[in-house]
N, C-alpha and C. Protein backbone atom coordinates (compact mmCIF):
# COMPACT_ATOMS: atom_id res chain seq x y z
N MET A 1 -169.14 -13.55 -167.24
CA MET A 1 -168.05 -12.48 -166.30
C MET A 1 -167.85 -12.55 -165.10
N PRO A 2 -166.68 -12.13 -164.96
CA PRO A 2 -165.77 -12.64 -162.95
C PRO A 2 -166.80 -11.38 -162.50
N ALA A 3 -166.80 -12.22 -161.20
CA ALA A 3 -167.64 -10.88 -160.48
C ALA A 3 -167.59 -11.21 -158.97
N SER A 4 -166.20 -11.18 -158.44
CA SER A 4 -165.54 -11.36 -157.59
C SER A 4 -165.67 -9.64 -156.96
N SER A 5 -165.73 -8.69 -157.26
CA SER A 5 -166.28 -7.21 -157.84
C SER A 5 -166.56 -6.73 -158.35
N ASP A 6 -167.31 -5.66 -157.53
CA ASP A 6 -168.79 -4.90 -157.99
C ASP A 6 -167.91 -3.37 -159.08
N GLU A 7 -168.46 -3.11 -159.68
CA GLU A 7 -168.30 -1.92 -160.65
C GLU A 7 -167.22 -0.69 -159.63
N THR A 8 -167.52 -0.83 -158.24
CA THR A 8 -166.86 0.22 -157.62
C THR A 8 -165.52 0.03 -157.04
N GLY A 9 -165.37 -1.74 -157.53
CA GLY A 9 -164.15 -2.30 -156.48
C GLY A 9 -165.18 -2.71 -155.33
N LYS A 10 -165.90 -2.97 -154.89
CA LYS A 10 -165.90 -3.65 -153.79
C LYS A 10 -166.56 -4.76 -154.20
N LYS A 11 -166.01 -6.03 -152.89
CA LYS A 11 -166.07 -7.57 -153.10
C LYS A 11 -167.91 -7.53 -152.60
N LEU A 12 -167.99 -9.00 -153.72
CA LEU A 12 -169.18 -9.00 -153.21
C LEU A 12 -169.24 -9.88 -152.53
N GLY A 13 -169.65 -10.40 -151.90
CA GLY A 13 -170.45 -11.85 -151.37
C GLY A 13 -171.03 -11.31 -149.60
N MET A 14 -171.56 -12.11 -148.58
CA MET A 14 -172.46 -12.48 -148.01
C MET A 14 -171.53 -13.03 -146.81
N TRP A 15 -171.98 -12.15 -145.03
CA TRP A 15 -170.84 -13.31 -144.33
C TRP A 15 -172.16 -13.51 -143.23
N LEU A 16 -172.36 -14.62 -142.62
CA LEU A 16 -173.47 -15.14 -141.40
C LEU A 16 -172.84 -15.59 -140.07
N PHE A 17 -173.34 -15.27 -139.48
CA PHE A 17 -172.63 -15.45 -137.96
C PHE A 17 -173.24 -16.24 -136.87
N LEU A 18 -173.71 -17.89 -136.75
CA LEU A 18 -174.34 -18.79 -136.29
C LEU A 18 -173.88 -19.46 -134.77
N TYR A 19 -174.78 -19.45 -133.75
CA TYR A 19 -174.28 -20.03 -132.57
C TYR A 19 -175.40 -21.18 -132.41
N THR A 20 -174.52 -22.58 -132.22
CA THR A 20 -174.80 -23.81 -132.19
C THR A 20 -175.43 -24.13 -131.33
N GLU A 21 -175.95 -25.37 -130.83
CA GLU A 21 -176.55 -26.11 -129.64
C GLU A 21 -175.61 -27.26 -129.73
N ILE A 22 -176.57 -27.78 -128.48
CA ILE A 22 -175.77 -28.48 -128.42
C ILE A 22 -176.38 -30.09 -128.91
N ILE A 23 -178.07 -29.87 -129.39
CA ILE A 23 -178.98 -30.37 -130.36
C ILE A 23 -177.98 -30.89 -131.51
N LEU A 24 -177.17 -29.89 -132.62
CA LEU A 24 -176.51 -30.10 -133.47
C LEU A 24 -175.73 -31.16 -133.78
N PHE A 25 -175.18 -31.86 -132.70
CA PHE A 25 -174.09 -32.58 -132.80
C PHE A 25 -174.09 -33.65 -133.03
N GLY A 26 -173.25 -34.45 -134.14
CA GLY A 26 -173.10 -35.72 -134.62
C GLY A 26 -172.27 -36.81 -133.84
N GLY A 27 -172.27 -36.79 -132.48
CA GLY A 27 -170.93 -37.11 -131.81
C GLY A 27 -169.83 -36.53 -131.49
N LEU A 28 -169.28 -36.66 -130.29
CA LEU A 28 -168.06 -36.39 -130.04
C LEU A 28 -168.34 -34.58 -129.47
N PHE A 29 -169.08 -33.90 -129.54
CA PHE A 29 -170.06 -32.40 -129.61
C PHE A 29 -168.60 -32.21 -130.79
N LEU A 30 -169.27 -32.47 -131.86
CA LEU A 30 -169.08 -31.75 -133.53
C LEU A 30 -169.93 -32.05 -134.27
N ILE A 31 -170.06 -31.01 -135.18
CA ILE A 31 -171.09 -31.17 -136.37
C ILE A 31 -170.76 -31.92 -137.08
N TYR A 32 -172.26 -32.51 -137.53
CA TYR A 32 -172.03 -33.38 -138.60
C TYR A 32 -171.84 -32.91 -139.97
N GLY A 33 -171.68 -33.73 -140.73
CA GLY A 33 -170.91 -33.27 -142.62
C GLY A 33 -172.37 -32.75 -143.23
N GLY A 34 -173.39 -33.41 -142.64
CA GLY A 34 -174.76 -33.19 -143.98
C GLY A 34 -175.42 -31.46 -142.85
N LEU A 35 -175.25 -30.78 -141.79
CA LEU A 35 -175.47 -30.16 -141.16
C LEU A 35 -174.53 -28.80 -142.05
N ILE A 36 -173.67 -29.14 -142.17
CA ILE A 36 -172.40 -28.44 -142.79
C ILE A 36 -172.99 -28.25 -143.91
N ALA A 37 -172.87 -28.86 -145.02
CA ALA A 37 -173.18 -28.73 -146.55
C ALA A 37 -174.24 -28.02 -146.45
N SER A 38 -175.67 -28.24 -145.65
CA SER A 38 -176.49 -27.51 -145.67
C SER A 38 -176.25 -26.17 -145.33
N LEU A 39 -175.74 -25.73 -144.35
CA LEU A 39 -175.06 -24.59 -144.37
C LEU A 39 -174.50 -23.60 -144.59
N ILE A 40 -173.73 -24.82 -145.90
CA ILE A 40 -173.10 -23.91 -146.96
C ILE A 40 -173.55 -23.43 -148.28
N ASP A 41 -174.71 -24.95 -148.72
CA ASP A 41 -175.64 -24.52 -149.76
C ASP A 41 -176.68 -23.35 -149.12
N CYS A 42 -177.03 -23.36 -148.14
CA CYS A 42 -178.03 -22.00 -147.82
C CYS A 42 -177.38 -20.66 -148.50
N HIS A 43 -175.99 -20.80 -147.38
CA HIS A 43 -175.41 -18.78 -147.59
C HIS A 43 -175.29 -18.93 -148.95
N SER A 44 -174.71 -20.24 -149.93
CA SER A 44 -174.39 -19.45 -151.34
C SER A 44 -175.27 -19.29 -152.24
N THR A 45 -176.57 -20.47 -151.57
CA THR A 45 -177.79 -19.61 -152.77
C THR A 45 -178.30 -18.31 -152.37
N GLY A 46 -178.45 -17.54 -150.87
CA GLY A 46 -178.24 -16.60 -150.89
C GLY A 46 -177.68 -15.13 -151.28
N THR A 47 -176.31 -15.90 -151.44
CA THR A 47 -174.82 -14.85 -151.47
C THR A 47 -175.59 -14.47 -153.05
N GLY A 48 -176.02 -16.07 -153.71
CA GLY A 48 -176.03 -15.73 -155.37
C GLY A 48 -177.13 -14.85 -155.99
N SER A 49 -178.51 -15.12 -154.98
CA SER A 49 -179.45 -13.99 -155.00
C SER A 49 -179.41 -12.53 -154.99
N ALA A 50 -178.78 -12.45 -154.17
CA ALA A 50 -178.02 -10.90 -153.66
C ALA A 50 -176.79 -10.64 -154.67
N ALA A 51 -176.51 -11.46 -155.41
CA ALA A 51 -175.34 -10.79 -155.87
C ALA A 51 -176.06 -10.45 -157.77
N LEU A 52 -176.93 -11.56 -158.15
CA LEU A 52 -178.29 -11.53 -159.06
C LEU A 52 -178.82 -9.90 -158.94
N HIS A 53 -179.53 -10.18 -157.66
CA HIS A 53 -180.20 -8.79 -157.05
C HIS A 53 -179.61 -7.14 -157.81
N LYS A 54 -178.62 -7.33 -157.29
CA LYS A 54 -177.55 -6.62 -158.05
C LYS A 54 -176.86 -5.93 -158.66
N LEU A 55 -177.16 -7.04 -159.47
CA LEU A 55 -176.95 -6.91 -161.33
C LEU A 55 -178.23 -6.74 -161.23
N LEU A 56 -179.82 -7.17 -161.09
CA LEU A 56 -181.07 -7.00 -161.73
C LEU A 56 -181.01 -5.36 -161.65
N ASN A 57 -181.10 -4.69 -159.82
CA ASN A 57 -181.79 -3.88 -159.55
C ASN A 57 -180.73 -2.35 -160.77
N GLU A 58 -179.57 -2.93 -160.89
CA GLU A 58 -178.83 -1.72 -161.41
C GLU A 58 -179.50 -1.79 -163.12
N SER A 59 -179.42 -2.66 -163.78
CA SER A 59 -179.92 -3.29 -164.98
C SER A 59 -181.51 -2.75 -165.40
N GLN A 60 -182.30 -3.73 -164.18
CA GLN A 60 -184.25 -3.67 -165.03
C GLN A 60 -184.55 -2.46 -163.87
N LYS A 61 -183.90 -2.34 -162.93
CA LYS A 61 -184.97 -1.82 -161.82
C LYS A 61 -185.56 -2.82 -160.77
N LYS A 62 -185.13 -3.63 -160.57
CA LYS A 62 -186.34 -5.42 -160.07
C LYS A 62 -185.58 -4.68 -158.43
N GLU A 63 -187.14 -4.72 -157.77
CA GLU A 63 -186.54 -4.59 -156.46
C GLU A 63 -186.35 -5.80 -155.23
N THR A 64 -187.39 -6.89 -156.53
CA THR A 64 -186.97 -8.08 -154.98
C THR A 64 -185.90 -8.89 -155.94
N TYR A 65 -185.79 -9.80 -154.80
CA TYR A 65 -184.52 -10.70 -154.66
C TYR A 65 -184.81 -11.97 -155.93
N PRO A 66 -183.70 -12.72 -156.77
CA PRO A 66 -184.37 -13.43 -157.51
C PRO A 66 -184.26 -15.12 -156.90
N ARG A 67 -185.26 -15.85 -157.23
CA ARG A 67 -185.12 -17.25 -156.88
C ARG A 67 -183.82 -17.91 -157.40
N CYS A 68 -182.93 -18.35 -156.30
CA CYS A 68 -182.20 -19.27 -156.89
C CYS A 68 -182.40 -20.83 -156.11
N VAL A 69 -181.62 -21.71 -157.01
CA VAL A 69 -181.20 -23.16 -156.59
C VAL A 69 -180.21 -23.65 -156.74
N THR A 70 -180.09 -25.02 -156.12
CA THR A 70 -178.74 -25.42 -156.35
C THR A 70 -178.34 -26.43 -156.80
N ALA A 71 -177.57 -25.43 -158.43
CA ALA A 71 -177.43 -26.89 -159.33
C ALA A 71 -176.32 -27.61 -159.57
N SER A 72 -175.52 -27.57 -158.41
CA SER A 72 -173.62 -28.08 -158.11
C SER A 72 -173.37 -27.58 -156.25
N LEU A 73 -173.34 -28.63 -155.82
CA LEU A 73 -172.48 -28.14 -154.58
C LEU A 73 -172.14 -29.76 -154.02
N LYS A 74 -170.27 -29.26 -153.70
CA LYS A 74 -169.26 -29.33 -153.72
C LYS A 74 -168.33 -29.01 -152.01
N VAL A 75 -168.13 -30.02 -151.00
CA VAL A 75 -167.95 -29.43 -150.15
C VAL A 75 -166.50 -29.99 -149.68
N ASP A 76 -165.47 -29.43 -149.33
CA ASP A 76 -164.70 -30.05 -148.62
C ASP A 76 -164.01 -29.98 -147.38
N TYR A 77 -164.19 -31.13 -146.17
CA TYR A 77 -164.20 -30.88 -144.89
C TYR A 77 -162.82 -30.92 -144.25
N LEU A 78 -162.61 -30.10 -144.39
CA LEU A 78 -160.99 -29.77 -143.84
C LEU A 78 -160.81 -29.70 -141.93
N LYS A 79 -161.67 -29.87 -141.47
CA LYS A 79 -160.96 -30.50 -140.21
C LYS A 79 -162.67 -30.31 -139.57
N PRO A 80 -162.55 -31.33 -137.87
CA PRO A 80 -163.64 -31.44 -137.35
C PRO A 80 -164.40 -30.16 -136.80
N THR A 81 -165.69 -29.90 -136.85
CA THR A 81 -166.30 -28.45 -136.66
C THR A 81 -166.62 -28.73 -134.96
N PRO A 82 -166.14 -27.70 -134.45
CA PRO A 82 -166.86 -28.16 -133.21
C PRO A 82 -168.08 -27.38 -132.37
N ILE A 83 -168.93 -27.81 -131.51
CA ILE A 83 -170.36 -27.35 -131.47
C ILE A 83 -170.48 -25.88 -130.67
N ASP A 84 -168.91 -26.21 -130.05
CA ASP A 84 -169.42 -24.85 -128.52
C ASP A 84 -168.81 -23.48 -128.83
N CYS A 85 -169.13 -23.43 -130.09
CA CYS A 85 -169.09 -21.44 -130.70
C CYS A 85 -169.71 -21.48 -131.60
N ILE A 86 -169.38 -20.50 -132.09
CA ILE A 86 -170.48 -19.28 -133.10
C ILE A 86 -169.46 -19.65 -134.32
N LEU A 87 -170.46 -20.14 -135.12
CA LEU A 87 -169.87 -20.85 -137.10
C LEU A 87 -169.76 -19.28 -137.45
N GLU A 88 -169.45 -18.99 -138.52
CA GLU A 88 -168.92 -17.74 -139.29
C GLU A 88 -168.70 -18.64 -140.49
N LEU A 89 -169.85 -18.18 -141.56
CA LEU A 89 -169.78 -18.22 -143.00
C LEU A 89 -169.42 -17.33 -143.48
N ARG A 90 -168.69 -17.61 -144.78
CA ARG A 90 -168.24 -16.43 -145.41
C ARG A 90 -168.54 -16.71 -146.91
N GLY A 91 -169.34 -16.41 -147.76
CA GLY A 91 -169.80 -16.60 -149.53
C GLY A 91 -169.28 -15.54 -150.26
N LYS A 92 -168.26 -15.74 -151.22
CA LYS A 92 -168.08 -15.13 -151.83
C LYS A 92 -168.37 -15.11 -153.35
N VAL A 93 -168.63 -14.12 -154.26
CA VAL A 93 -169.06 -14.86 -155.53
C VAL A 93 -167.58 -14.80 -156.48
N LYS A 94 -167.36 -15.76 -157.26
CA LYS A 94 -166.55 -16.19 -158.07
C LYS A 94 -166.93 -15.78 -159.80
N GLU A 95 -168.08 -15.99 -160.03
CA GLU A 95 -168.08 -15.68 -161.38
C GLU A 95 -169.60 -15.31 -161.73
N ILE A 96 -170.36 -14.92 -162.59
CA ILE A 96 -171.77 -14.96 -162.77
C ILE A 96 -171.76 -14.69 -164.37
N LYS A 97 -172.42 -15.81 -164.73
CA LYS A 97 -172.59 -16.13 -166.30
C LYS A 97 -174.51 -16.04 -166.10
N GLY A 98 -175.20 -15.03 -167.00
CA GLY A 98 -176.22 -14.79 -167.26
C GLY A 98 -177.02 -15.46 -165.97
N ARG A 99 -177.99 -16.59 -165.91
CA ARG A 99 -178.76 -16.66 -164.40
C ARG A 99 -177.39 -18.00 -163.48
N LYS A 100 -176.85 -17.92 -164.04
CA LYS A 100 -175.65 -19.54 -162.59
C LYS A 100 -174.64 -18.35 -162.33
N VAL A 101 -174.67 -18.08 -160.87
CA VAL A 101 -174.03 -17.87 -160.30
C VAL A 101 -172.47 -18.74 -159.54
N ILE A 102 -171.34 -18.71 -159.36
CA ILE A 102 -170.68 -19.43 -158.85
C ILE A 102 -169.95 -18.78 -157.32
N VAL A 103 -170.66 -19.71 -156.58
CA VAL A 103 -170.28 -18.91 -155.14
C VAL A 103 -169.52 -20.19 -154.22
N GLU A 104 -168.36 -19.82 -153.53
CA GLU A 104 -167.11 -19.91 -152.58
C GLU A 104 -167.44 -19.64 -151.43
N THR A 105 -167.92 -20.54 -150.89
CA THR A 105 -168.62 -20.28 -148.89
C THR A 105 -167.49 -20.91 -148.19
N SER A 106 -166.89 -20.54 -147.22
CA SER A 106 -165.95 -20.99 -146.57
C SER A 106 -166.60 -21.02 -144.77
N LEU A 107 -166.29 -21.64 -143.96
CA LEU A 107 -166.89 -22.52 -142.74
C LEU A 107 -166.00 -22.05 -141.57
N TYR A 108 -166.02 -21.30 -140.82
CA TYR A 108 -165.09 -21.38 -140.07
C TYR A 108 -165.20 -21.28 -137.88
N ALA A 109 -165.18 -21.53 -137.50
CA ALA A 109 -165.49 -21.73 -136.14
C ALA A 109 -164.20 -21.72 -135.52
N LYS A 110 -164.03 -20.70 -134.33
CA LYS A 110 -163.21 -20.49 -133.29
C LYS A 110 -162.00 -20.02 -134.55
N ASN A 111 -162.41 -18.89 -135.18
CA ASN A 111 -161.00 -18.05 -136.66
C ASN A 111 -160.49 -19.20 -136.59
N GLU A 112 -161.00 -20.80 -137.39
CA GLU A 112 -159.80 -21.27 -138.23
C GLU A 112 -160.90 -21.91 -139.13
N ILE A 113 -161.04 -22.42 -140.38
CA ILE A 113 -161.44 -22.72 -141.38
C ILE A 113 -161.36 -24.35 -141.32
N CYS A 114 -163.06 -24.35 -141.28
CA CYS A 114 -162.84 -26.22 -141.07
C CYS A 114 -163.93 -26.63 -142.14
N ALA A 115 -164.04 -25.97 -143.06
CA ALA A 115 -164.74 -26.46 -144.33
C ALA A 115 -165.38 -25.57 -145.47
N LYS A 116 -164.58 -26.22 -146.66
CA LYS A 116 -165.52 -24.66 -147.49
C LYS A 116 -165.94 -25.29 -148.89
N GLY A 117 -166.80 -24.88 -149.77
CA GLY A 117 -167.86 -25.13 -150.29
C GLY A 117 -167.50 -24.51 -151.92
N GLU A 118 -167.95 -25.15 -152.59
CA GLU A 118 -168.07 -24.02 -153.46
C GLU A 118 -169.35 -24.51 -154.88
N VAL A 119 -170.42 -23.87 -154.64
CA VAL A 119 -171.85 -23.81 -155.05
C VAL A 119 -172.07 -23.16 -156.30
N ILE A 120 -172.76 -24.27 -157.42
CA ILE A 120 -173.74 -23.22 -158.68
C ILE A 120 -174.93 -22.96 -158.00
N VAL A 121 -175.39 -21.77 -158.07
CA VAL A 121 -176.78 -21.38 -158.31
C VAL A 121 -177.28 -21.00 -159.80
N VAL A 122 -178.67 -20.97 -159.51
CA VAL A 122 -179.46 -20.98 -161.26
C VAL A 122 -179.97 -20.21 -160.50
N GLN A 123 -180.29 -19.08 -161.12
CA GLN A 123 -181.60 -18.42 -161.01
C GLN A 123 -183.68 -19.19 -161.78
N VAL A 124 -184.28 -19.54 -161.09
CA VAL A 124 -185.26 -19.77 -161.16
C VAL A 124 -186.14 -18.22 -162.17
N PRO A 125 -185.80 -18.62 -163.25
CA PRO A 125 -187.29 -18.28 -163.89
C PRO A 125 -188.70 -17.63 -163.19
N ASP A 126 -188.87 -15.72 -163.54
CA ASP A 126 -189.83 -15.77 -162.55
C ASP A 126 -191.68 -16.83 -162.86
N ASP A 127 -191.10 -17.47 -164.57
CA ASP A 127 -193.07 -17.85 -164.63
C ASP A 127 -192.59 -19.22 -164.26
N TRP A 128 -191.95 -19.81 -163.23
CA TRP A 128 -191.59 -21.46 -163.46
C TRP A 128 -192.63 -21.61 -162.99
N LYS A 129 -193.61 -21.00 -162.05
CA LYS A 129 -194.70 -22.19 -161.97
C LYS A 129 -196.03 -22.24 -162.51
N ALA A 130 -196.27 -21.25 -163.70
CA ALA A 130 -196.53 -21.65 -164.59
C ALA A 130 -196.52 -22.47 -165.74
N LYS A 131 -195.26 -23.15 -165.75
CA LYS A 131 -195.00 -24.18 -166.56
C LYS A 131 -195.34 -25.40 -166.11
């Protein structure tokens, strides 16, 4: 089911602001690509979990957030990401299909988009440890 908004028309997604330190640079005071991919991955799994929680809480009155893992991660690096600023991540739910959530997350620095990702996250079954 497409899930860019909930039943009230509100957009589903999350924002995060992060201040970076000089220790995180990949040379020339830029943030290296692996950290950017990790931030997009982590923010997307959190966004997917929150979206599933919203749906499960409405239908099953679940209070805990579901555990989600990454099934696919695609990152496009659009421009070098400076280290001397606050980073902003914006995650938006594109689609929910059962346990699978497709999330689009963009990373901004100094109000400019530097990277964007599409992440497929999957809810881990509650009994995964027993298997």
